Protein backbone atom coordinates (compact mmCIF):
# COMPACT_ATOMS: atom_id res chain seq x y z
CA GLU A 1 7.33 -4.58 15.55
CA ALA A 2 9.08 -6.76 12.98
CA ALA A 3 6.12 -6.49 10.59
CA LEU A 4 6.07 -2.69 10.89
CA ALA A 5 9.83 -2.51 10.33
CA LEU A 6 9.49 -4.60 7.16
CA ALA A 7 6.53 -2.50 5.99
CA ARG A 8 8.56 0.69 6.46
CA GLU A 9 11.45 -0.80 4.51
CA LEU A 10 9.16 -1.90 1.68
CA ALA A 11 7.42 1.49 1.62
CA GLU A 12 10.77 3.13 0.90
CA VAL A 13 11.49 0.66 -1.91
CA ALA A 14 7.96 1.18 -3.29
CA LYS A 15 8.57 4.90 -3.78
CA THR A 16 11.05 4.15 -6.56
CA ASP A 17 10.23 0.56 -7.59
CA PHE A 18 6.73 -0.58 -6.62
CA LYS A 19 7.13 -3.93 -8.38
CA ALA A 20 10.26 -4.76 -6.36
CA ALA A 21 8.42 -3.98 -3.13
CA ILE A 22 5.58 -6.29 -4.17
CA ASP A 23 8.03 -9.08 -4.94
CA LYS A 24 9.42 -8.75 -1.40
CA GLY A 25 5.96 -8.59 0.20
CA ASP A 26 3.67 -11.45 1.09
CA LYS A 27 2.00 -13.68 -1.50
CA GLY A 28 -1.20 -11.58 -1.41
CA SER A 29 0.61 -8.47 -2.68
CA THR A 30 -0.32 -7.10 -6.09
CA ASP A 31 0.45 -4.02 -8.15
CA ASP A 32 -3.10 -3.39 -9.36
CA LEU A 33 -6.33 -4.20 -7.51
CA GLY A 34 -8.35 -2.50 -10.23
CA TYR A 35 -10.91 0.22 -9.66
CA ILE A 36 -11.83 0.62 -5.98
CA PRO A 37 -14.73 2.97 -5.26
CA ARG A 38 -14.98 4.88 -2.01
CA GLY A 39 -16.72 3.02 0.80
CA VAL A 40 -15.20 -0.40 0.06
CA LEU A 41 -12.03 -0.32 2.16
CA GLU A 42 -11.65 0.21 5.89
CA PRO A 43 -11.38 3.90 6.85
CA ALA A 44 -7.57 4.01 7.32
CA PRO A 45 -6.49 2.56 3.95
CA GLU A 46 -9.31 4.37 2.14
CA PHE A 47 -8.26 7.73 3.59
CA GLU A 48 -4.62 7.07 2.73
CA LEU A 49 -5.36 5.89 -0.82
CA PHE A 50 -7.71 8.73 -1.75
CA SER A 51 -5.39 11.32 -0.16
CA LEU A 52 -2.51 10.35 -2.43
CA PRO A 53 -1.83 12.21 -5.67
CA LYS A 54 -1.89 10.18 -8.88
CA GLY A 55 1.21 7.96 -8.80
CA GLY A 56 1.73 8.58 -5.07
CA VAL A 57 2.82 5.81 -2.69
CA SER A 58 1.70 5.63 0.92
CA GLY A 59 3.66 4.70 3.97
CA PRO A 60 2.60 1.59 5.91
CA VAL A 61 -1.12 1.58 6.73
CA ASP A 62 -2.22 -0.69 9.60
CA THR A 63 -5.26 -2.76 8.58
CA PRO A 64 -7.00 -5.82 10.07
CA ARG A 65 -5.13 -7.90 7.46
CA GLY A 66 -1.67 -6.49 8.16
CA PHE A 67 0.21 -3.48 6.88
CA TRP A 68 -0.60 -2.20 3.41
CA ILE A 69 1.38 0.06 1.13
CA ALA A 70 -0.83 1.70 -1.45
CA ARG A 71 -0.09 3.35 -4.78
CA ARG A 72 -2.71 5.47 -6.43
CA ILE A 73 -2.80 4.70 -10.13
CA GLU A 74 -5.55 7.12 -11.20
């Protein structure tokens, strides 16, 4: 529950300042993973990422490696 609460808080920050949200996230957080083709991610984060408009930021997405917040760059 604490992890989800933090992810929700960071998702709100990410909508206006993605870099600030990354700085508050865990050490594996990054602002650009590069080009990710379809079929690489688990279904939940892939659906969320490819459903976003360019520049859009997702809410928390539950993955096997914790909650992710995605931003579609292109």
